[in-house]
Amino acid sequence: MLPSRRMRVFACKKPTDMRASFDSLYKQTKDVIGADPMSGHMFLFVNKNRTRVKVLYYDGTGFVIIAKRLDKGRFSKLNPYYKRDIILTQAEFSLFFEGATVNKRFIESP
């Protein structure tokens, strides 16, 4: 799923309205995550019910949004009280995006 090993996945800790478009996600990336949306990294946003996610990234020519809605179950819960940035590895992101349970200090089981 990730185009490059150098690409990191930054997760937004607060729930996101899935009606958000390119401009809204761009603004949240800067204001909430505190990162440069044009950095080439991916930015993960999850809705309140944890049934939908959107990923924003800049591929060098424009912004791309990847969206997913689970048929059953929920995505793992991101810990909003984790003090540092939540950055997922490629393996963690792949598992998270598939809806698998991911256990780590910044992610809680569903």
PDB file of N, CA and C in Angstrom:
ATOM      1  N   MET A   1       0.817  -1.197   0.000  1.00  0.00           N
ATOM      2  CA  MET A   1       0.000   0.000   0.000  1.00  0.00           C
ATOM      3  C   MET A   1       0.861   1.262   0.000  1.00  0.00           C
ATOM      4  N   LEU A   2       1.947   1.237   0.784  1.00  0.00           N
ATOM      5  CA  LEU A   2       2.806   2.410   0.839  1.00  0.00           C
ATOM      6  C   LEU A   2       3.790   2.391  -0.328  1.00  0.00           C
ATOM      7  N   PRO A   3       3.867   3.490  -1.070  1.00  0.00           N
ATOM      8  CA  PRO A   3       4.760   3.538  -2.220  1.00  0.00           C
ATOM      9  C   PRO A   3       6.248   3.470  -1.891  1.00  0.00           C
ATOM     10  N   SER A   4       6.654   3.873  -0.693  1.00  0.00           N
ATOM     11  CA  SER A   4       8.080   3.922  -0.375  1.00  0.00           C
ATOM     12  C   SER A   4       8.314   3.574   1.088  1.00  0.00           C
ATOM     13  N   ARG A   5       9.468   2.965   1.375  1.00  0.00           N
ATOM     14  CA  ARG A   5       9.798   2.623   2.760  1.00  0.00           C
ATOM     15  C   ARG A   5      10.042   3.873   3.604  1.00  0.00           C
ATOM     16  N   ARG A   6      10.428   4.957   2.966  1.00  0.00           N
ATOM     17  CA  ARG A   6      10.684   6.199   3.691  1.00  0.00           C
ATOM     18  C   ARG A   6       9.411   6.923   4.091  1.00  0.00           C
ATOM     19  N   MET A   7       8.309   6.562   3.456  1.00  0.00           N
ATOM     20  CA  MET A   7       7.040   7.222   3.755  1.00  0.00           C
ATOM     21  C   MET A   7       6.556   6.808   5.138  1.00  0.00           C
ATOM     22  N   ARG A   8       6.138   7.788   5.909  1.00  0.00           N
ATOM     23  CA  ARG A   8       5.607   7.515   7.243  1.00  0.00           C
ATOM     24  C   ARG A   8       4.111   7.809   7.233  1.00  0.00           C
ATOM     25  N   VAL A   9       3.400   7.206   8.163  1.00  0.00           N
ATOM     26  CA  VAL A   9       1.952   7.415   8.278  1.00  0.00           C
ATOM     27  C   VAL A   9       1.684   8.099   9.609  1.00  0.00           C
ATOM     28  N   PHE A  10       1.271   9.356   9.548  1.00  0.00           N
ATOM     29  CA  PHE A  10       0.921  10.128  10.732  1.00  0.00           C
ATOM     30  C   PHE A  10      -0.584  10.022  10.935  1.00  0.00           C
ATOM     31  N   ALA A  11      -1.004   9.697  12.144  1.00  0.00           N
ATOM     32  CA  ALA A  11      -2.428   9.534  12.426  1.00  0.00           C
ATOM     33  C   ALA A  11      -2.954  10.726  13.219  1.00  0.00           C
ATOM     34  N   CYS A  12      -4.130  11.169  12.847  1.00  0.00           N
ATOM     35  CA  CYS A  12      -4.825  12.228  13.586  1.00  0.00           C
ATOM     36  C   CYS A  12      -5.503  11.574  14.784  1.00  0.00           C
ATOM     37  N   LYS A  13      -5.256  12.087  15.986  1.00  0.00           N
ATOM     38  CA  LYS A  13      -5.795  11.481  17.205  1.00  0.00           C
ATOM     39  C   LYS A  13      -7.277  11.783  17.401  1.00  0.00           C
ATOM     40  N   LYS A  14      -7.746  12.901  16.872  1.00  0.00           N
ATOM     41  CA  LYS A  14      -9.148  13.239  17.104  1.00  0.00           C
ATOM     42  C   LYS A  14     -10.006  12.768  15.932  1.00  0.00           C
ATOM     43  N   PRO A  15     -11.238  12.345  16.216  1.00  0.00           N
ATOM     44  CA  PRO A  15     -12.117  11.852  15.153  1.00  0.00           C
ATOM     45  C   PRO A  15     -12.350  12.915  14.077  1.00  0.00           C
ATOM     46  N   THR A  16     -12.499  12.450  12.846  1.00  0.00           N
ATOM     47  CA  THR A  16     -12.651  13.327  11.699  1.00  0.00           C
ATOM     48  C   THR A  16     -13.973  13.069  11.000  1.00  0.00           C
ATOM     49  N   ASP A  17     -14.622  14.130  10.582  1.00  0.00           N
ATOM     50  CA  ASP A  17     -15.843  14.034   9.795  1.00  0.00           C
ATOM     51  C   ASP A  17     -15.454  13.513   8.409  1.00  0.00           C
ATOM     52  N   MET A  18     -16.005  12.393   8.006  1.00  0.00           N
ATOM     53  CA  MET A  18     -15.629  11.765   6.746  1.00  0.00           C
ATOM     54  C   MET A  18     -16.185  12.472   5.516  1.00  0.00           C
ATOM     55  N   ARG A  19     -16.916  13.558   5.724  1.00  0.00           N
ATOM     56  CA  ARG A  19     -17.313  14.388   4.590  1.00  0.00           C
ATOM     57  C   ARG A  19     -16.174  15.307   4.177  1.00  0.00           C
ATOM     58  N   ALA A  20     -15.105  15.312   4.951  1.00  0.00           N
ATOM     59  CA  ALA A  20     -13.963  16.181   4.695  1.00  0.00           C
ATOM     60  C   ALA A  20     -13.365  15.881   3.318  1.00  0.00           C
ATOM     61  N   SER A  21     -13.009  16.949   2.631  1.00  0.00           N
ATOM     62  CA  SER A  21     -12.424  16.820   1.297  1.00  0.00           C
ATOM     63  C   SER A  21     -10.936  17.182   1.359  1.00  0.00           C
ATOM     64  N   PHE A  22     -10.344  17.343   0.196  1.00  0.00           N
ATOM     65  CA  PHE A  22      -8.917  17.650   0.115  1.00  0.00           C
ATOM     66  C   PHE A  22      -8.549  18.847   0.986  1.00  0.00           C
ATOM     67  N   ASP A  23      -9.275  19.944   0.836  1.00  0.00           N
ATOM     68  CA  ASP A  23      -8.931  21.171   1.559  1.00  0.00           C
ATOM     69  C   ASP A  23      -9.083  21.019   3.065  1.00  0.00           C
ATOM     70  N   SER A  24     -10.150  20.351   3.508  1.00  0.00           N
ATOM     71  CA  SER A  24     -10.362  20.140   4.944  1.00  0.00           C
ATOM     72  C   SER A  24      -9.284  19.253   5.539  1.00  0.00           C
ATOM     73  N   LEU A  25      -8.944  18.172   4.854  1.00  0.00           N
ATOM     74  CA  LEU A  25      -7.902  17.267   5.350  1.00  0.00           C
ATOM     75  C   LEU A  25      -6.532  17.949   5.326  1.00  0.00           C
ATOM     76  N   TYR A  26      -6.289  18.762   4.301  1.00  0.00           N
ATOM     77  CA  TYR A  26      -5.044  19.535   4.214  1.00  0.00           C
ATOM     78  C   TYR A  26      -4.919  20.433   5.450  1.00  0.00           C
ATOM     79  N   LYS A  27      -6.006  21.144   5.774  1.00  0.00           N
ATOM     80  CA  LYS A  27      -6.000  22.043   6.928  1.00  0.00           C
ATOM     81  C   LYS A  27      -5.802  21.270   8.236  1.00  0.00           C
ATOM     82  N   GLN A  28      -6.468  20.125   8.386  1.00  0.00           N
ATOM     83  CA  GLN A  28      -6.305  19.327   9.606  1.00  0.00           C
ATOM     84  C   GLN A  28      -4.884  18.797   9.737  1.00  0.00           C
ATOM     85  N   THR A  29      -4.289  18.451   8.609  1.00  0.00           N
ATOM     86  CA  THR A  29      -2.903  17.968   8.640  1.00  0.00           C
ATOM     87  C   THR A  29      -1.994  19.038   9.225  1.00  0.00           C
ATOM     88  N   LYS A  30      -2.191  20.269   8.805  1.00  0.00           N
ATOM     89  CA  LYS A  30      -1.364  21.363   9.314  1.00  0.00           C
ATOM     90  C   LYS A  30      -1.723  21.733  10.748  1.00  0.00           C
ATOM     91  N   ASP A  31      -3.025  21.900  11.024  1.00  0.00           N
ATOM     92  CA  ASP A  31      -3.464  22.436  12.318  1.00  0.00           C
ATOM     93  C   ASP A  31      -3.500  21.402  13.440  1.00  0.00           C
ATOM     94  N   VAL A  32      -3.992  20.206  13.166  1.00  0.00           N
ATOM     95  CA  VAL A  32      -4.175  19.194  14.214  1.00  0.00           C
ATOM     96  C   VAL A  32      -2.938  18.303  14.352  1.00  0.00           C
ATOM     97  N   ILE A  33      -2.447  17.792  13.222  1.00  0.00           N
ATOM     98  CA  ILE A  33      -1.276  16.909  13.271  1.00  0.00           C
ATOM     99  C   ILE A  33       0.009  17.721  13.368  1.00  0.00           C
ATOM    100  N   GLY A  34       0.000  18.920  12.820  1.00  0.00           N
ATOM    101  CA  GLY A  34       1.178  19.784  12.879  1.00  0.00           C
ATOM    102  C   GLY A  34       2.264  19.381  11.912  1.00  0.00           C
ATOM    103  N   ALA A  35       1.863  18.897  10.742  1.00  0.00           N
ATOM    104  CA  ALA A  35       2.834  18.442   9.751  1.00  0.00           C
ATOM    105  C   ALA A  35       2.593  19.137   8.411  1.00  0.00           C
ATOM    106  N   ASP A  36       3.565  19.052   7.540  1.00  0.00           N
ATOM    107  CA  ASP A  36       3.457  19.617   6.197  1.00  0.00           C
ATOM    108  C   ASP A  36       2.749  18.616   5.292  1.00  0.00           C
ATOM    109  N   PRO A  37       1.553  18.941   4.806  1.00  0.00           N
ATOM    110  CA  PRO A  37       0.815  18.003   3.956  1.00  0.00           C
ATOM    111  C   PRO A  37       1.539  17.648   2.657  1.00  0.00           C
ATOM    112  N   MET A  38       2.477  18.504   2.232  1.00  0.00           N
ATOM    113  CA  MET A  38       3.195  18.258   0.983  1.00  0.00           C
ATOM    114  C   MET A  38       4.522  17.545   1.210  1.00  0.00           C
ATOM    115  N   SER A  39       4.691  16.958   2.380  1.00  0.00           N
ATOM    116  CA  SER A  39       5.947  16.303   2.740  1.00  0.00           C
ATOM    117  C   SER A  39       6.158  14.973   2.022  1.00  0.00           C
ATOM    118  N   GLY A  40       5.083  14.414   1.465  1.00  0.00           N
ATOM    119  CA  GLY A  40       5.192  13.100   0.832  1.00  0.00           C
ATOM    120  C   GLY A  40       4.830  11.969   1.770  1.00  0.00           C
ATOM    121  N   HIS A  41       4.511  12.298   3.010  1.00  0.00           N
ATOM    122  CA  HIS A  41       4.076  11.286   3.967  1.00  0.00           C
ATOM    123  C   HIS A  41       2.564  11.134   3.886  1.00  0.00           C
ATOM    124  N   MET A  42       2.041  10.079   4.498  1.00  0.00           N
ATOM    125  CA  MET A  42       0.604   9.839   4.507  1.00  0.00           C
ATOM    126  C   MET A  42       0.025  10.304   5.837  1.00  0.00           C
ATOM    127  N   PHE A  43      -1.240  10.762   5.789  1.00  0.00           N
ATOM    128  CA  PHE A  43      -1.918  11.263   6.966  1.00  0.00           C
ATOM    129  C   PHE A  43      -3.251  10.538   7.094  1.00  0.00           C
ATOM    130  N   LEU A  44      -3.424   9.857   8.220  1.00  0.00           N
ATOM    131  CA  LEU A  44      -4.561   8.979   8.464  1.00  0.00           C
ATOM    132  C   LEU A  44      -5.602   9.682   9.330  1.00  0.00           C
ATOM    133  N   PHE A  45      -6.859   9.616   8.889  1.00  0.00           N
ATOM    134  CA  PHE A  45      -7.981  10.208   9.613  1.00  0.00           C
ATOM    135  C   PHE A  45      -9.049   9.138   9.795  1.00  0.00           C
ATOM    136  N   VAL A  46      -9.609   9.049  11.004  1.00  0.00           N
ATOM    137  CA  VAL A  46     -10.603   8.025  11.338  1.00  0.00           C
ATOM    138  C   VAL A  46     -11.856   8.726  11.854  1.00  0.00           C
ATOM    139  N   ASN A  47     -13.036   8.195  11.505  1.00  0.00           N
ATOM    140  CA  ASN A  47     -14.265   8.804  12.004  1.00  0.00           C
ATOM    141  C   ASN A  47     -14.545   8.382  13.445  1.00  0.00           C
ATOM    142  N   LYS A  48     -15.536   9.023  14.064  1.00  0.00           N
ATOM    143  CA  LYS A  48     -15.851   8.793  15.470  1.00  0.00           C
ATOM    144  C   LYS A  48     -16.228   7.333  15.754  1.00  0.00           C
ATOM    145  N   ASN A  49     -16.968   6.705  14.862  1.00  0.00           N
ATOM    146  CA  ASN A  49     -17.401   5.313  15.045  1.00  0.00           C
ATOM    147  C   ASN A  49     -16.328   4.290  14.681  1.00  0.00           C
ATOM    148  N   ARG A  50     -15.220   4.765  14.132  1.00  0.00           N
ATOM    149  CA  ARG A  50     -14.092   3.921  13.701  1.00  0.00           C
ATOM    150  C   ARG A  50     -14.505   2.888  12.637  1.00  0.00           C
ATOM    151  N   THR A  51     -15.433   3.279  11.770  1.00  0.00           N
ATOM    152  CA  THR A  51     -15.847   2.395  10.676  1.00  0.00           C
ATOM    153  C   THR A  51     -15.340   2.893   9.333  1.00  0.00           C
ATOM    154  N   ARG A  52     -14.821   4.115   9.304  1.00  0.00           N
ATOM    155  CA  ARG A  52     -14.320   4.705   8.061  1.00  0.00           C
ATOM    156  C   ARG A  52     -12.985   5.394   8.308  1.00  0.00           C
ATOM    157  N   VAL A  53     -12.144   5.348   7.287  1.00  0.00           N
ATOM    158  CA  VAL A  53     -10.876   6.079   7.335  1.00  0.00           C
ATOM    159  C   VAL A  53     -10.641   6.773   6.000  1.00  0.00           C
ATOM    160  N   LYS A  54      -9.856   7.829   6.077  1.00  0.00           N
ATOM    161  CA  LYS A  54      -9.350   8.497   4.880  1.00  0.00           C
ATOM    162  C   LYS A  54      -7.863   8.719   5.090  1.00  0.00           C
ATOM    163  N   VAL A  55      -7.130   8.604   3.996  1.00  0.00           N
ATOM    164  CA  VAL A  55      -5.692   8.832   4.012  1.00  0.00           C
ATOM    165  C   VAL A  55      -5.406   9.903   2.968  1.00  0.00           C
ATOM    166  N   LEU A  56      -4.678  10.927   3.366  1.00  0.00           N
ATOM    167  CA  LEU A  56      -4.287  11.999   2.458  1.00  0.00           C
ATOM    168  C   LEU A  56      -2.785  11.932   2.246  1.00  0.00           C
ATOM    169  N   TYR A  57      -2.380  12.039   0.985  1.00  0.00           N
ATOM    170  CA  TYR A  57      -0.944  12.206   0.738  1.00  0.00           C
ATOM    171  C   TYR A  57      -0.706  12.940  -0.562  1.00  0.00           C
ATOM    172  N   TYR A  58       0.467  13.544  -0.655  1.00  0.00           N
ATOM    173  CA  TYR A  58       0.878  14.311  -1.816  1.00  0.00           C
ATOM    174  C   TYR A  58       1.867  13.456  -2.594  1.00  0.00           C
ATOM    175  N   ASP A  59       1.564  13.179  -3.861  1.00  0.00           N
ATOM    176  CA  ASP A  59       2.420  12.287  -4.654  1.00  0.00           C
ATOM    177  C   ASP A  59       3.438  13.018  -5.514  1.00  0.00           C
ATOM    178  N   GLY A  60       3.552  14.327  -5.335  1.00  0.00           N
ATOM    179  CA  GLY A  60       4.502  15.106  -6.116  1.00  0.00           C
ATOM    180  C   GLY A  60       3.827  15.917  -7.211  1.00  0.00           C
ATOM    181  N   THR A  61       2.637  15.490  -7.616  1.00  0.00           N
ATOM    182  CA  THR A  61       1.901  16.223  -8.647  1.00  0.00           C
ATOM    183  C   THR A  61       0.542  16.709  -8.144  1.00  0.00           C
ATOM    184  N   GLY A  62       0.080  16.150  -7.048  1.00  0.00           N
ATOM    185  CA  GLY A  62      -1.213  16.535  -6.492  1.00  0.00           C
ATOM    186  C   GLY A  62      -1.543  15.688  -5.281  1.00  0.00           C
ATOM    187  N   PHE A  63      -2.657  16.007  -4.660  1.00  0.00           N
ATOM    188  CA  PHE A  63      -3.084  15.271  -3.477  1.00  0.00           C
ATOM    189  C   PHE A  63      -3.941  14.075  -3.860  1.00  0.00           C
ATOM    190  N   VAL A  64      -3.788  13.012  -3.075  1.00  0.00           N
ATOM    191  CA  VAL A  64      -4.536  11.778  -3.269  1.00  0.00           C
ATOM    192  C   VAL A  64      -5.265  11.474  -1.966  1.00  0.00           C
ATOM    193  N   ILE A  65      -6.531  11.064  -2.079  1.00  0.00           N
ATOM    194  CA  ILE A  65      -7.282  10.607  -0.910  1.00  0.00           C
ATOM    195  C   ILE A  65      -7.646   9.149  -1.134  1.00  0.00           C
ATOM    196  N   ILE A  66      -7.332   8.330  -0.146  1.00  0.00           N
ATOM    197  CA  ILE A  66      -7.741   6.926  -0.152  1.00  0.00           C
ATOM    198  C   ILE A  66      -8.771   6.795   0.966  1.00  0.00           C
ATOM    199  N   ALA A  67      -9.926   6.233   0.646  1.00  0.00           N
ATOM    200  CA  ALA A  67     -10.990   6.095   1.638  1.00  0.00           C
ATOM    201  C   ALA A  67     -11.389   4.631   1.761  1.00  0.00           C
ATOM    202  N   LYS A  68     -11.752   4.242   2.985  1.00  0.00           N
ATOM    203  CA  LYS A  68     -12.195   2.867   3.213  1.00  0.00           C
ATOM    204  C   LYS A  68     -13.291   2.857   4.259  1.00  0.00           C
ATOM    205  N   ARG A  69     -14.306   2.017   4.018  1.00  0.00           N
ATOM    206  CA  ARG A  69     -15.391   1.789   4.976  1.00  0.00           C
ATOM    207  C   ARG A  69     -15.453   0.296   5.243  1.00  0.00           C
ATOM    208  N   LEU A  70     -15.387  -0.081   6.514  1.00  0.00           N
ATOM    209  CA  LEU A  70     -15.461  -1.494   6.872  1.00  0.00           C
ATOM    210  C   LEU A  70     -16.903  -1.992   6.788  1.00  0.00           C
ATOM    211  N   ASP A  71     -17.085  -3.197   6.281  1.00  0.00           N
ATOM    212  CA  ASP A  71     -18.410  -3.822   6.254  1.00  0.00           C
ATOM    213  C   ASP A  71     -18.814  -4.291   7.639  1.00  0.00           C
ATOM    214  N   LYS A  72     -17.843  -4.843   8.378  1.00  0.00           N
ATOM    215  CA  LYS A  72     -18.099  -5.354   9.731  1.00  0.00           C
ATOM    216  C   LYS A  72     -16.956  -4.911  10.632  1.00  0.00           C
ATOM    217  N   GLY A  73     -17.277  -4.755  11.897  1.00  0.00           N
ATOM    218  CA  GLY A  73     -16.239  -4.428  12.874  1.00  0.00           C
ATOM    219  C   GLY A  73     -15.840  -2.966  12.846  1.00  0.00           C
ATOM    220  N   ARG A  74     -14.742  -2.688  13.543  1.00  0.00           N
ATOM    221  CA  ARG A  74     -14.236  -1.330  13.661  1.00  0.00           C
ATOM    222  C   ARG A  74     -12.711  -1.337  13.507  1.00  0.00           C
ATOM    223  N   PHE A  75     -12.198  -0.198  13.116  1.00  0.00           N
ATOM    224  CA  PHE A  75     -10.752  -0.027  13.108  1.00  0.00           C
ATOM    225  C   PHE A  75     -10.284   0.074  14.554  1.00  0.00           C
ATOM    226  N   SER A  76      -9.032  -0.255  14.803  1.00  0.00           N
ATOM    227  CA  SER A  76      -8.471  -0.114  16.145  1.00  0.00           C
ATOM    228  C   SER A  76      -8.573   1.348  16.578  1.00  0.00           C
ATOM    229  N   LYS A  77      -8.648   1.548  17.888  1.00  0.00           N
ATOM    230  CA  LYS A  77      -8.804   2.899  18.422  1.00  0.00           C
ATOM    231  C   LYS A  77      -7.447   3.546  18.645  1.00  0.00           C
ATOM    232  N   LEU A  78      -7.295   4.766  18.140  1.00  0.00           N
ATOM    233  CA  LEU A  78      -6.078   5.528  18.374  1.00  0.00           C
ATOM    234  C   LEU A  78      -6.198   6.184  19.743  1.00  0.00           C
ATOM    235  N   ASN A  79      -5.179   6.094  20.539  1.00  0.00           N
ATOM    236  CA  ASN A  79      -5.204   6.633  21.897  1.00  0.00           C
ATOM    237  C   ASN A  79      -5.058   8.156  21.854  1.00  0.00           C
ATOM    238  N   PRO A  80      -6.125   8.904  22.170  1.00  0.00           N
ATOM    239  CA  PRO A  80      -6.047  10.364  22.100  1.00  0.00           C
ATOM    240  C   PRO A  80      -5.170  10.972  23.190  1.00  0.00           C
ATOM    241  N   TYR A  81      -4.827  10.176  24.214  1.00  0.00           N
ATOM    242  CA  TYR A  81      -4.019  10.688  25.323  1.00  0.00           C
ATOM    243  C   TYR A  81      -2.524  10.407  25.156  1.00  0.00           C
ATOM    244  N   TYR A  82      -2.169   9.712  24.083  1.00  0.00           N
ATOM    245  CA  TYR A  82      -0.753   9.453  23.817  1.00  0.00           C
ATOM    246  C   TYR A  82      -0.080  10.802  23.554  1.00  0.00           C
ATOM    247  N   LYS A  83       0.983  11.095  24.279  1.00  0.00           N
ATOM    248  CA  LYS A  83       1.566  12.437  24.252  1.00  0.00           C
ATOM    249  C   LYS A  83       2.295  12.784  22.958  1.00  0.00           C
ATOM    250  N   ARG A  84       2.901  11.828  22.331  1.00  0.00           N
ATOM    251  CA  ARG A  84       3.668  12.098  21.112  1.00  0.00           C
ATOM    252  C   ARG A  84       2.808  11.920  19.868  1.00  0.00           C
ATOM    253  N   ASP A  85       3.390  12.244  18.713  1.00  0.00           N
ATOM    254  CA  ASP A  85       2.713  11.991  17.443  1.00  0.00           C
ATOM    255  C   ASP A  85       2.528  10.493  17.267  1.00  0.00           C
ATOM    256  N   ILE A  86       1.422  10.112  16.658  1.00  0.00           N
ATOM    257  CA  ILE A  86       1.193   8.705  16.354  1.00  0.00           C
ATOM    258  C   ILE A  86       1.682   8.467  14.931  1.00  0.00           C
ATOM    259  N   ILE A  87       2.747   7.690  14.823  1.00  0.00           N
ATOM    260  CA  ILE A  87       3.334   7.382  13.523  1.00  0.00           C
ATOM    261  C   ILE A  87       3.339   5.867  13.364  1.00  0.00           C
ATOM    262  N   LEU A  88       2.655   5.385  12.341  1.00  0.00           N
ATOM    263  CA  LEU A  88       2.546   3.948  12.100  1.00  0.00           C
ATOM    264  C   LEU A  88       3.636   3.473  11.158  1.00  0.00           C
ATOM    265  N   THR A  89       4.142   2.276  11.403  1.00  0.00           N
ATOM    266  CA  THR A  89       5.066   1.644  10.463  1.00  0.00           C
ATOM    267  C   THR A  89       4.248   1.105   9.293  1.00  0.00           C
ATOM    268  N   GLN A  90       4.915   0.659   8.255  1.00  0.00           N
ATOM    269  CA  GLN A  90       4.210   0.082   7.115  1.00  0.00           C
ATOM    270  C   GLN A  90       3.379  -1.117   7.537  1.00  0.00           C
ATOM    271  N   ALA A  91       3.950  -1.975   8.359  1.00  0.00           N
ATOM    272  CA  ALA A  91       3.242  -3.176   8.799  1.00  0.00           C
ATOM    273  C   ALA A  91       2.026  -2.805   9.653  1.00  0.00           C
ATOM    274  N   GLU A  92       2.192  -1.864  10.579  1.00  0.00           N
ATOM    275  CA  GLU A  92       1.080  -1.437  11.424  1.00  0.00           C
ATOM    276  C   GLU A  92      -0.036  -0.814  10.588  1.00  0.00           C
ATOM    277  N   PHE A  93       0.361   0.026   9.628  1.00  0.00           N
ATOM    278  CA  PHE A  93      -0.639   0.659   8.779  1.00  0.00           C
ATOM    279  C   PHE A  93      -1.396  -0.379   7.951  1.00  0.00           C
ATOM    280  N   SER A  94      -0.687  -1.341   7.401  1.00  0.00           N
ATOM    281  CA  SER A  94      -1.343  -2.388   6.604  1.00  0.00           C
ATOM    282  C   SER A  94      -2.362  -3.150   7.437  1.00  0.00           C
ATOM    283  N   LEU A  95      -1.964  -3.545   8.644  1.00  0.00           N
ATOM    284  CA  LEU A  95      -2.888  -4.249   9.532  1.00  0.00           C
ATOM    285  C   LEU A  95      -4.064  -3.355   9.925  1.00  0.00           C
ATOM    286  N   PHE A  96      -3.771  -2.125  10.286  1.00  0.00           N
ATOM    287  CA  PHE A  96      -4.817  -1.182  10.671  1.00  0.00           C
ATOM    288  C   PHE A  96      -5.812  -0.997   9.531  1.00  0.00           C
ATOM    289  N   PHE A  97      -5.308  -0.778   8.317  1.00  0.00           N
ATOM    290  CA  PHE A  97      -6.147  -0.506   7.153  1.00  0.00           C
ATOM    291  C   PHE A  97      -7.016  -1.707   6.789  1.00  0.00           C
ATOM    292  N   GLU A  98      -6.551  -2.909   7.103  1.00  0.00           N
ATOM    293  CA  GLU A  98      -7.332  -4.123   6.855  1.00  0.00           C
ATOM    294  C   GLU A  98      -8.389  -4.353   7.926  1.00  0.00           C
ATOM    295  N   GLY A  99      -8.345  -3.562   8.998  1.00  0.00           N
ATOM    296  CA  GLY A  99      -9.317  -3.719  10.075  1.00  0.00           C
ATOM    297  C   GLY A  99      -8.883  -4.710  11.132  1.00  0.00           C
ATOM    298  N   ALA A 100      -7.635  -5.156  11.066  1.00  0.00           N
ATOM    299  CA  ALA A 100      -7.118  -6.099  12.056  1.00  0.00           C
ATOM    300  C   ALA A 100      -6.891  -5.372  13.382  1.00  0.00           C
ATOM    301  N   THR A 101      -6.850  -6.125  14.459  1.00  0.00           N
ATOM    302  CA  THR A 101      -6.568  -5.561  15.772  1.00  0.00           C
ATOM    303  C   THR A 101      -5.079  -5.285  15.876  1.00  0.00           C
ATOM    304  N   VAL A 102      -4.747  -4.055  16.182  1.00  0.00           N
ATOM    305  CA  VAL A 102      -3.351  -3.658  16.341  1.00  0.00           C
ATOM    306  C   VAL A 102      -3.180  -3.218  17.784  1.00  0.00           C
ATOM    307  N   ASN A 103      -2.265  -3.837  18.488  1.00  0.00           N
ATOM    308  CA  ASN A 103      -1.998  -3.468  19.889  1.00  0.00           C
ATOM    309  C   ASN A 103      -0.617  -2.807  19.973  1.00  0.00           C
ATOM    310  N   LYS A 104      -0.608  -1.606  20.433  1.00  0.00           N
ATOM    311  CA  LYS A 104       0.620  -0.876  20.668  1.00  0.00           C
ATOM    312  C   LYS A 104       0.276   0.240  21.625  1.00  0.00           C
ATOM    313  N   ARG A 105       1.256   0.911  22.189  1.00  0.00           N
ATOM    314  CA  ARG A 105       0.953   1.903  23.226  1.00  0.00           C
ATOM    315  C   ARG A 105       0.065   3.037  22.737  1.00  0.00           C
ATOM    316  N   PHE A 106       0.059   3.326  21.442  1.00  0.00           N
ATOM    317  CA  PHE A 106      -0.790   4.411  20.961  1.00  0.00           C
ATOM    318  C   PHE A 106      -2.051   3.915  20.260  1.00  0.00           C
ATOM    319  N   ILE A 107      -2.254   2.605  20.249  1.00  0.00           N
ATOM    320  CA  ILE A 107      -3.457   2.031  19.639  1.00  0.00           C
ATOM    321  C   ILE A 107      -4.063   1.055  20.631  1.00  0.00           C
ATOM    322  N   GLU A 108      -5.375   1.131  20.782  1.00  0.00           N
ATOM    323  CA  GLU A 108      -6.076   0.220  21.686  1.00  0.00           C
ATOM    324  C   GLU A 108      -6.907  -0.755  20.863  1.00  0.00           C
ATOM    325  N   SER A 109      -7.112  -1.942  21.376  1.00  0.00           N
ATOM    326  CA  SER A 109      -7.954  -2.933  20.700  1.00  0.00           C
ATOM    327  C   SER A 109      -9.378  -2.415  20.624  1.00  0.00           C
ATOM    328  N   PRO A 110     -10.139  -2.822  19.576  1.00  0.00           N
ATOM    329  CA  PRO A 110     -11.526  -2.352  19.430  1.00  0.00           C
ATOM    330  C   PRO A 110     -12.426  -2.748  20.576  1.00  0.00           C
TER     331      PRO A 110
END
